[in-house]
Amino acid sequence: MFSKREARNNLEQVQERSRELGSELCDELKSVAGESCDYLKKNPWAGVGIGAALGLVVGVLISKK
């Protein structure tokens, strides 16, 4: 059986690791967002195509009720 102290230590370790992973994920998402923004500035029609395709998919999914 776990003691309260062991459970608390395990909880603190999990919380610390989740904070680290959350920070890493946030940094990675910022990097990807910056790169995609640069790509769309260089290729604006690609953004239009992607938006149209997503709109079509969402429209088909909504109309299948």
PDB file of N, CA and C in Angstrom:
ATOM      1  N   MET A   1       0.835  -1.184   0.000  1.00  0.00           N
ATOM      2  CA  MET A   1       0.000   0.000   0.000  1.00  0.00           C
ATOM      3  C   MET A   1       0.874   1.239   0.000  1.00  0.00           C
ATOM      4  N   PHE A   2       0.316   2.300  -0.582  1.00  0.00           N
ATOM      5  CA  PHE A   2       1.023   3.561  -0.624  1.00  0.00           C
ATOM      6  C   PHE A   2       0.735   4.359   0.633  1.00  0.00           C
ATOM      7  N   SER A   3       1.765   5.019   1.097  1.00  0.00           N
ATOM      8  CA  SER A   3       1.540   5.944   2.203  1.00  0.00           C
ATOM      9  C   SER A   3       1.169   7.301   1.609  1.00  0.00           C
ATOM     10  N   LYS A   4       0.674   8.172   2.444  1.00  0.00           N
ATOM     11  CA  LYS A   4       0.309   9.502   1.975  1.00  0.00           C
ATOM     12  C   LYS A   4       1.526  10.237   1.428  1.00  0.00           C
ATOM     13  N   ARG A   5       2.660  10.054   2.074  1.00  0.00           N
ATOM     14  CA  ARG A   5       3.896  10.724   1.651  1.00  0.00           C
ATOM     15  C   ARG A   5       4.307  10.238   0.259  1.00  0.00           C
ATOM     16  N   GLU A   6       4.252   8.938   0.017  1.00  0.00           N
ATOM     17  CA  GLU A   6       4.615   8.398  -1.293  1.00  0.00           C
ATOM     18  C   GLU A   6       3.643   8.880  -2.365  1.00  0.00           C
ATOM     19  N   ALA A   7       2.366   8.898  -2.035  1.00  0.00           N
ATOM     20  CA  ALA A   7       1.363   9.362  -2.988  1.00  0.00           C
ATOM     21  C   ALA A   7       1.585  10.835  -3.311  1.00  0.00           C
ATOM     22  N   ARG A   8       1.871  11.632  -2.303  1.00  0.00           N
ATOM     23  CA  ARG A   8       2.117  13.061  -2.513  1.00  0.00           C
ATOM     24  C   ARG A   8       3.364  13.273  -3.370  1.00  0.00           C
ATOM     25  N   ASN A   9       4.421  12.511  -3.105  1.00  0.00           N
ATOM     26  CA  ASN A   9       5.648  12.622  -3.900  1.00  0.00           C
ATOM     27  C   ASN A   9       5.397  12.230  -5.350  1.00  0.00           C
ATOM     28  N   ASN A  10       4.649  11.148  -5.545  1.00  0.00           N
ATOM     29  CA  ASN A  10       4.330  10.727  -6.904  1.00  0.00           C
ATOM     30  C   ASN A  10       3.496  11.784  -7.625  1.00  0.00           C
ATOM     31  N   LEU A  11       2.544  12.356  -6.920  1.00  0.00           N
ATOM     32  CA  LEU A  11       1.706  13.402  -7.499  1.00  0.00           C
ATOM     33  C   LEU A  11       2.548  14.611  -7.888  1.00  0.00           C
ATOM     34  N   GLU A  12       3.465  15.021  -7.039  1.00  0.00           N
ATOM     35  CA  GLU A  12       4.330  16.162  -7.338  1.00  0.00           C
ATOM     36  C   GLU A  12       5.205  15.877  -8.556  1.00  0.00           C
ATOM     37  N   GLN A  13       5.708  14.656  -8.669  1.00  0.00           N
ATOM     38  CA  GLN A  13       6.524  14.298  -9.823  1.00  0.00           C
ATOM     39  C   GLN A  13       5.707  14.342 -11.114  1.00  0.00           C
ATOM     40  N   VAL A  14       4.499  13.833 -11.052  1.00  0.00           N
ATOM     41  CA  VAL A  14       3.631  13.835 -12.229  1.00  0.00           C
ATOM     42  C   VAL A  14       3.265  15.261 -12.618  1.00  0.00           C
ATOM     43  N   GLN A  15       2.963  16.100 -11.627  1.00  0.00           N
ATOM     44  CA  GLN A  15       2.623  17.489 -11.919  1.00  0.00           C
ATOM     45  C   GLN A  15       3.805  18.222 -12.548  1.00  0.00           C
ATOM     46  N   GLU A  16       4.990  18.014 -12.035  1.00  0.00           N
ATOM     47  CA  GLU A  16       6.181  18.666 -12.579  1.00  0.00           C
ATOM     48  C   GLU A  16       6.437  18.214 -14.015  1.00  0.00           C
ATOM     49  N   ARG A  17       6.312  16.917 -14.253  1.00  0.00           N
ATOM     50  CA  ARG A  17       6.527  16.397 -15.607  1.00  0.00           C
ATOM     51  C   ARG A  17       5.477  16.928 -16.571  1.00  0.00           C
ATOM     52  N   SER A  18       4.227  17.037 -16.122  1.00  0.00           N
ATOM     53  CA  SER A  18       3.177  17.561 -16.992  1.00  0.00           C
ATOM     54  C   SER A  18       3.421  19.033 -17.300  1.00  0.00           C
ATOM     55  N   ARG A  19       3.936  19.788 -16.356  1.00  0.00           N
ATOM     56  CA  ARG A  19       4.284  21.188 -16.618  1.00  0.00           C
ATOM     57  C   ARG A  19       5.390  21.280 -17.662  1.00  0.00           C
ATOM     58  N   GLU A  20       6.408  20.432 -17.533  1.00  0.00           N
ATOM     59  CA  GLU A  20       7.506  20.428 -18.491  1.00  0.00           C
ATOM     60  C   GLU A  20       7.015  20.072 -19.885  1.00  0.00           C
ATOM     61  N   LEU A  21       6.201  19.021 -19.976  1.00  0.00           N
ATOM     62  CA  LEU A  21       5.673  18.603 -21.276  1.00  0.00           C
ATOM     63  C   LEU A  21       4.756  19.666 -21.874  1.00  0.00           C
ATOM     64  N   GLY A  22       3.963  20.306 -21.038  1.00  0.00           N
ATOM     65  CA  GLY A  22       3.086  21.378 -21.514  1.00  0.00           C
ATOM     66  C   GLY A  22       3.886  22.544 -22.062  1.00  0.00           C
ATOM     67  N   SER A  23       4.956  22.885 -21.394  1.00  0.00           N
ATOM     68  CA  SER A  23       5.815  23.976 -21.857  1.00  0.00           C
ATOM     69  C   SER A  23       6.484  23.617 -23.187  1.00  0.00           C
ATOM     70  N   GLU A  24       6.971  22.381 -23.292  1.00  0.00           N
ATOM     71  CA  GLU A  24       7.594  21.933 -24.540  1.00  0.00           C
ATOM     72  C   GLU A  24       6.582  21.938 -25.680  1.00  0.00           C
ATOM     73  N   LEU A  25       5.381  21.476 -25.403  1.00  0.00           N
ATOM     74  CA  LEU A  25       4.339  21.442 -26.421  1.00  0.00           C
ATOM     75  C   LEU A  25       3.975  22.851 -26.876  1.00  0.00           C
ATOM     76  N   CYS A  26       3.871  23.766 -25.949  1.00  0.00           N
ATOM     77  CA  CYS A  26       3.549  25.157 -26.278  1.00  0.00           C
ATOM     78  C   CYS A  26       4.638  25.758 -27.160  1.00  0.00           C
ATOM     79  N   ASP A  27       5.893  25.532 -26.825  1.00  0.00           N
ATOM     80  CA  ASP A  27       7.002  26.041 -27.641  1.00  0.00           C
ATOM     81  C   ASP A  27       6.957  25.458 -29.046  1.00  0.00           C
ATOM     82  N   GLU A  28       6.691  24.172 -29.143  1.00  0.00           N
ATOM     83  CA  GLU A  28       6.634  23.501 -30.446  1.00  0.00           C
ATOM     84  C   GLU A  28       5.465  24.032 -31.284  1.00  0.00           C
ATOM     85  N   LEU A  29       4.318  24.245 -30.654  1.00  0.00           N
ATOM     86  CA  LEU A  29       3.163  24.778 -31.374  1.00  0.00           C
ATOM     87  C   LEU A  29       3.422  26.200 -31.875  1.00  0.00           C
ATOM     88  N   LYS A  30       4.116  27.008 -31.084  1.00  0.00           N
ATOM     89  CA  LYS A  30       4.464  28.363 -31.522  1.00  0.00           C
ATOM     90  C   LYS A  30       5.384  28.302 -32.735  1.00  0.00           C
ATOM     91  N   SER A  31       6.319  27.379 -32.719  1.00  0.00           N
ATOM     92  CA  SER A  31       7.237  27.216 -33.848  1.00  0.00           C
ATOM     93  C   SER A  31       6.484  26.805 -35.107  1.00  0.00           C
ATOM     94  N   VAL A  32       5.600  25.829 -34.972  1.00  0.00           N
ATOM     95  CA  VAL A  32       4.826  25.351 -36.121  1.00  0.00           C
ATOM     96  C   VAL A  32       3.906  26.452 -36.645  1.00  0.00           C
ATOM     97  N   ALA A  33       3.301  27.204 -35.752  1.00  0.00           N
ATOM     98  CA  ALA A  33       2.422  28.292 -36.174  1.00  0.00           C
ATOM     99  C   ALA A  33       3.208  29.349 -36.941  1.00  0.00           C
ATOM    100  N   GLY A  34       4.396  29.669 -36.491  1.00  0.00           N
ATOM    101  CA  GLY A  34       5.236  30.642 -37.185  1.00  0.00           C
ATOM    102  C   GLY A  34       5.633  30.161 -38.571  1.00  0.00           C
ATOM    103  N   GLU A  35       6.008  28.881 -38.664  1.00  0.00           N
ATOM    104  CA  GLU A  35       6.394  28.328 -39.957  1.00  0.00           C
ATOM    105  C   GLU A  35       5.215  28.286 -40.914  1.00  0.00           C
ATOM    106  N   SER A  36       4.038  27.919 -40.425  1.00  0.00           N
ATOM    107  CA  SER A  36       2.867  27.866 -41.304  1.00  0.00           C
ATOM    108  C   SER A  36       2.468  29.269 -41.749  1.00  0.00           C
ATOM    109  N   CYS A  37       2.615  30.238 -40.882  1.00  0.00           N
ATOM    110  CA  CYS A  37       2.309  31.625 -41.243  1.00  0.00           C
ATOM    111  C   CYS A  37       3.260  32.098 -42.348  1.00  0.00           C
ATOM    112  N   ASP A  38       4.542  31.784 -42.215  1.00  0.00           N
ATOM    113  CA  ASP A  38       5.513  32.142 -43.249  1.00  0.00           C
ATOM    114  C   ASP A  38       5.178  31.460 -44.572  1.00  0.00           C
ATOM    115  N   TYR A  39       4.794  30.198 -44.515  1.00  0.00           N
ATOM    116  CA  TYR A  39       4.450  29.457 -45.733  1.00  0.00           C
ATOM    117  C   TYR A  39       3.242  30.093 -46.422  1.00  0.00           C
ATOM    118  N   LEU A  40       2.228  30.448 -45.630  1.00  0.00           N
ATOM    119  CA  LEU A  40       1.023  31.032 -46.221  1.00  0.00           C
ATOM    120  C   LEU A  40       1.270  32.437 -46.765  1.00  0.00           C
ATOM    121  N   LYS A  41       2.227  33.151 -46.199  1.00  0.00           N
ATOM    122  CA  LYS A  41       2.580  34.461 -46.755  1.00  0.00           C
ATOM    123  C   LYS A  41       3.243  34.300 -48.114  1.00  0.00           C
ATOM    124  N   LYS A  42       4.021  33.237 -48.282  1.00  0.00           N
ATOM    125  CA  LYS A  42       4.689  32.979 -49.555  1.00  0.00           C
ATOM    126  C   LYS A  42       3.748  32.338 -50.567  1.00  0.00           C
ATOM    127  N   ASN A  43       2.763  31.571 -50.116  1.00  0.00           N
ATOM    128  CA  ASN A  43       1.834  30.837 -50.979  1.00  0.00           C
ATOM    129  C   ASN A  43       0.392  31.085 -50.536  1.00  0.00           C
ATOM    130  N   PRO A  44      -0.140  32.269 -50.801  1.00  0.00           N
ATOM    131  CA  PRO A  44      -1.488  32.569 -50.296  1.00  0.00           C
ATOM    132  C   PRO A  44      -2.575  31.685 -50.906  1.00  0.00           C
ATOM    133  N   TRP A  45      -2.406  31.234 -52.140  1.00  0.00           N
ATOM    134  CA  TRP A  45      -3.443  30.407 -52.762  1.00  0.00           C
ATOM    135  C   TRP A  45      -3.519  29.027 -52.118  1.00  0.00           C
ATOM    136  N   ALA A  46      -2.438  28.584 -51.527  1.00  0.00           N
ATOM    137  CA  ALA A  46      -2.485  27.317 -50.794  1.00  0.00           C
ATOM    138  C   ALA A  46      -3.425  27.454 -49.592  1.00  0.00           C
ATOM    139  N   GLY A  47      -3.384  28.608 -48.939  1.00  0.00           N
ATOM    140  CA  GLY A  47      -4.282  28.846 -47.813  1.00  0.00           C
ATOM    141  C   GLY A  47      -5.735  28.894 -48.248  1.00  0.00           C
ATOM    142  N   VAL A  48      -5.976  29.490 -49.408  1.00  0.00           N
ATOM    143  CA  VAL A  48      -7.337  29.539 -49.934  1.00  0.00           C
ATOM    144  C   VAL A  48      -7.833  28.124 -50.237  1.00  0.00           C
ATOM    145  N   GLY A  49      -6.975  27.323 -50.850  1.00  0.00           N
ATOM    146  CA  GLY A  49      -7.352  25.944 -51.174  1.00  0.00           C
ATOM    147  C   GLY A  49      -7.625  25.114 -49.938  1.00  0.00           C
ATOM    148  N   ILE A  50      -6.781  25.255 -48.939  1.00  0.00           N
ATOM    149  CA  ILE A  50      -6.967  24.501 -47.699  1.00  0.00           C
ATOM    150  C   ILE A  50      -8.262  24.925 -47.018  1.00  0.00           C
ATOM    151  N   GLY A  51      -8.526  26.232 -46.990  1.00  0.00           N
ATOM    152  CA  GLY A  51      -9.762  26.724 -46.384  1.00  0.00           C
ATOM    153  C   GLY A  51     -10.989  26.215 -47.117  1.00  0.00           C
ATOM    154  N   ALA A  52     -10.925  26.199 -48.460  1.00  0.00           N
ATOM    155  CA  ALA A  52     -12.062  25.708 -49.246  1.00  0.00           C
ATOM    156  C   ALA A  52     -12.283  24.218 -49.001  1.00  0.00           C
ATOM    157  N   ALA A  53     -11.198  23.464 -48.948  1.00  0.00           N
ATOM    158  CA  ALA A  53     -11.323  22.021 -48.719  1.00  0.00           C
ATOM    159  C   ALA A  53     -11.922  21.739 -47.337  1.00  0.00           C
ATOM    160  N   LEU A  54     -11.456  22.445 -46.335  1.00  0.00           N
ATOM    161  CA  LEU A  54     -12.006  22.250 -44.986  1.00  0.00           C
ATOM    162  C   LEU A  54     -13.477  22.654 -44.935  1.00  0.00           C
ATOM    163  N   GLY A  55     -13.812  23.748 -45.614  1.00  0.00           N
ATOM    164  CA  GLY A  55     -15.212  24.160 -45.650  1.00  0.00           C
ATOM    165  C   GLY A  55     -16.091  23.131 -46.314  1.00  0.00           C
ATOM    166  N   LEU A  56     -15.591  22.529 -47.400  1.00  0.00           N
ATOM    167  CA  LEU A  56     -16.347  21.485 -48.094  1.00  0.00           C
ATOM    168  C   LEU A  56     -16.574  20.275 -47.194  1.00  0.00           C
ATOM    169  N   VAL A  57     -15.518  19.855 -46.504  1.00  0.00           N
ATOM    170  CA  VAL A  57     -15.628  18.690 -45.615  1.00  0.00           C
ATOM    171  C   VAL A  57     -16.620  18.971 -44.492  1.00  0.00           C
ATOM    172  N   VAL A  58     -16.521  20.128 -43.868  1.00  0.00           N
ATOM    173  CA  VAL A  58     -17.428  20.480 -42.780  1.00  0.00           C
ATOM    174  C   VAL A  58     -18.856  20.555 -43.295  1.00  0.00           C
ATOM    175  N   GLY A  59     -19.047  21.130 -44.495  1.00  0.00           N
ATOM    176  CA  GLY A  59     -20.378  21.214 -45.075  1.00  0.00           C
ATOM    177  C   GLY A  59     -20.980  19.848 -45.347  1.00  0.00           C
ATOM    178  N   VAL A  60     -20.174  18.928 -45.845  1.00  0.00           N
ATOM    179  CA  VAL A  60     -20.669  17.568 -46.108  1.00  0.00           C
ATOM    180  C   VAL A  60     -21.032  16.876 -44.802  1.00  0.00           C
ATOM    181  N   LEU A  61     -20.195  17.036 -43.790  1.00  0.00           N
ATOM    182  CA  LEU A  61     -20.465  16.391 -42.505  1.00  0.00           C
ATOM    183  C   LEU A  61     -21.724  16.949 -41.849  1.00  0.00           C
ATOM    184  N   ILE A  62     -21.940  18.235 -41.971  1.00  0.00           N
ATOM    185  CA  ILE A  62     -23.125  18.853 -41.370  1.00  0.00           C
ATOM    186  C   ILE A  62     -24.388  18.409 -42.099  1.00  0.00           C
ATOM    187  N   SER A  63     -24.303  18.285 -43.425  1.00  0.00           N
ATOM    188  CA  SER A  63     -25.489  17.965 -44.201  1.00  0.00           C
ATOM    189  C   SER A  63     -25.883  16.473 -44.099  1.00  0.00           C
ATOM    190  N   LYS A  64     -25.058  15.645 -43.470  1.00  0.00           N
ATOM    191  CA  LYS A  64     -25.339  14.196 -43.387  1.00  0.00           C
ATOM    192  C   LYS A  64     -26.238  13.858 -42.192  1.00  0.00           C
ATOM    193  N   LYS A  65     -26.903  14.797 -41.624  1.00  0.00           N
ATOM    194  CA  LYS A  65     -27.760  14.526 -40.470  1.00  0.00           C
ATOM    195  C   LYS A  65     -28.846  13.642 -40.861  1.00  0.00           C
TER     196      LYS A  65
END
